[in-house]
Every structure is written in C-alpha cells, then in structure tokens.
C-alpha cells in the first residue's frame, strides 16, 4: 500500500481507530490500515475499502486494556476522594461555626457577671 494512501486514511480517521475510537497517542504508535474486504478476496486499496484501526498483537492488547482499566479505576477513586474532601471541608466549616458560636456565648456570659471588671 502506498504511503500517500496510508497518510490519507490516517487523516480521514483523525488518527483514531475506526472500530473503538482510540487515538494513536493513547497506544503510543501509529495504527494500521486494514481492508474491509481483504485483497486476497477481491478487495482493493480504494479509500472506501480501508479503515484506520488498532491492530495489536496479544501482549500489546493486554497491556492496553490493563492500562485503560487502571485509568478507569483511578478516575473513579479520584471522584470518591474528591467527594470525601468536600464532605470534610463542609465538616470543618460547621465545626468552625460551632466554635465561634460557643466563643461568642462564653464572651457574652462573662460580660454579664456582676463584680467582674
């Protein structure tokens, strides 16, 4: 297949797999051009018969899937952590307000005692 056709197909699919949508930057390599109908079965290199796709060997595919799974897990854990931080921030504000209220009450009561300066 000519380099010009490969570049045209890559541009047409915006460097993303036609099947799963993964960008070539995510896998760290250019993807491959694949034929809908194989040339061995009468397919051509016509633009209508080719797609840009992720075609990894087994170890690469396993590593890619594990990385995507780890990313999803970390994203979920980050969301949980952010919610917990927000809850703790609200608790700190509530405690601060309660402390200020208590300090105000102590000050108010101490001013009302007879015989004290």
Protein backbone atom coordinates (compact mmCIF):
# COMPACT_ATOMS: atom_id res chain seq x y z
CA UNK A 1 0.00 0.00 0.00
CA UNK A 2 1.30 3.42 -0.91
CA UNK A 3 2.43 5.80 1.83
CA UNK A 4 0.19 8.51 0.37
CA UNK A 5 -2.90 6.31 0.79
CA UNK A 6 -1.88 5.38 4.32
CA UNK A 7 -1.49 9.09 5.20
CA UNK A 8 -4.83 9.93 3.60
CA UNK A 9 -6.62 7.20 5.56
CA UNK A 10 -4.92 8.29 8.80
CA UNK A 11 -6.03 11.89 8.25
CA UNK A 12 -9.54 10.78 7.31
CA UNK A 13 -9.96 8.94 10.59
CA UNK A 14 -8.19 11.73 12.56
CA UNK A 15 -5.61 9.23 13.87
CA UNK A 16 -8.37 7.27 15.64
CA UNK A 17 -9.36 3.62 15.31
CA UNK A 18 -12.44 3.24 13.14
CA UNK A 19 -13.75 0.48 15.42
CA UNK A 20 -13.05 1.55 19.01
CA UNK A 21 -12.15 5.23 18.63
CA UNK A 22 -8.81 5.04 20.46
CA UNK A 23 -6.33 7.73 19.40
CA UNK A 24 -2.89 6.61 18.29
CA UNK A 25 -1.31 8.78 21.02
CA UNK A 26 -3.07 6.61 23.63
CA UNK A 27 -1.36 3.47 22.37
CA UNK A 28 1.96 5.16 21.65
CA UNK A 29 2.17 4.20 17.99
CA UNK A 30 0.54 4.78 14.65
CA UNK A 31 -2.37 2.47 13.94
CA UNK A 32 -2.66 0.25 10.89
CA UNK A 33 -4.67 0.44 7.73
CA UNK A 34 -6.98 -2.53 7.34
CA UNK A 35 -9.19 -3.65 4.48
CA UNK A 36 -12.91 -4.24 4.94
CA UNK A 37 -12.73 -6.79 2.17
CA UNK A 38 -9.27 -8.37 2.10
CA UNK A 39 -7.28 -8.05 -1.10
CA UNK A 40 -6.98 -11.84 -1.11
CA UNK A 41 -10.76 -11.95 -1.55
CA UNK A 42 -11.02 -9.31 -4.24
CA UNK A 43 -10.78 -6.18 -2.08
CA UNK A 44 -8.91 -3.14 -3.31
CA UNK A 45 -6.88 -0.32 -1.81
CA UNK A 46 -9.73 2.04 -2.61
CA UNK A 47 -10.42 4.54 0.21
CA UNK A 48 -13.94 3.11 0.59
CA UNK A 49 -12.46 -0.33 1.38
CA UNK A 50 -9.89 0.67 4.02
CA UNK A 51 -10.05 1.82 7.62
CA UNK A 52 -7.55 3.08 10.16
CA UNK A 53 -7.58 0.68 13.08
CA UNK A 54 -5.94 -0.62 16.21
CA UNK A 55 -4.41 -3.96 15.39
CA UNK A 56 -2.25 -5.04 18.26
CA UNK A 57 -0.57 -8.29 18.96
CA UNK A 58 -1.75 -10.09 22.10
CA UNK A 59 0.79 -8.67 24.63
CA UNK A 60 0.19 -5.13 23.39
CA UNK A 61 -3.57 -5.59 23.54
CA UNK A 62 -3.42 -6.95 27.09
CA UNK A 63 -1.19 -4.06 28.19
CA UNK A 64 -3.50 -1.53 26.52
CA UNK A 65 -6.62 -2.99 28.12
CA UNK A 66 -4.96 -3.14 31.56
CA UNK A 67 -3.90 0.49 31.23
CA UNK A 68 -7.43 1.55 30.27
CA UNK A 69 -8.88 -0.44 33.17
CA UNK A 70 -6.38 1.10 35.60
CA UNK A 71 -7.22 4.56 34.29
CA UNK A 72 -10.94 3.95 34.82
CA UNK A 73 -10.35 2.65 38.33
CA UNK A 74 -8.15 5.61 39.26
CA UNK A 75 -10.67 8.05 37.81
CA UNK A 76 -13.43 6.51 39.93
CA UNK A 77 -11.24 6.54 43.04
CA UNK A 78 -10.36 10.17 42.40
CA UNK A 79 -14.04 11.09 42.20
CA UNK A 80 -14.71 9.35 45.52
CA UNK A 81 -11.72 11.11 47.12
CA UNK A 82 -12.89 14.49 45.85
CA UNK A 83 -16.36 13.93 47.31
CA UNK A 84 -14.80 12.95 50.66
CA UNK A 85 -12.62 16.08 50.67
CA UNK A 86 -15.71 18.20 50.01
CA UNK A 87 -17.52 16.48 52.91
CA UNK A 88 -14.56 17.12 55.21
CA UNK A 89 -14.36 20.75 54.13
CA UNK A 90 -18.06 21.19 55.00
CA UNK A 91 -17.49 19.49 58.37
CA UNK A 92 -14.59 21.84 59.13
CA UNK A 93 -16.76 24.86 58.29
CA UNK A 94 -19.54 23.53 60.53
CA UNK A 95 -17.10 22.98 63.39
CA UNK A 96 -15.62 26.45 62.91
CA UNK A 97 -19.09 27.98 63.07
CA UNK A 98 -19.92 25.99 66.21
CA UNK A 99 -16.65 27.04 67.85
CA UNK A 100 -17.24 30.70 67.03
CA UNK A 101 -20.78 30.47 68.38
CA UNK A 102 -19.51 28.89 71.61
CA UNK A 103 -16.80 31.56 71.97
CA UNK A 104 -19.39 34.27 71.44
CA UNK A 105 -21.66 32.72 74.07
CA UNK A 106 -18.80 32.46 76.59
CA UNK A 107 -17.89 36.09 75.97
CA UNK A 108 -21.50 37.19 76.32
CA UNK A 109 -21.93 35.33 79.60
CA UNK A 110 -18.63 36.58 81.04
CA UNK A 111 -19.61 40.20 80.41
CA UNK A 112 -22.86 39.73 82.30
CA UNK A 113 -21.30 38.58 85.62
CA UNK A 114 -21.55 41.12 88.42
CA UNK A 115 -18.37 42.11 90.26
CA UNK A 116 -16.02 41.35 87.39
CA UNK A 117 -14.20 44.11 85.50
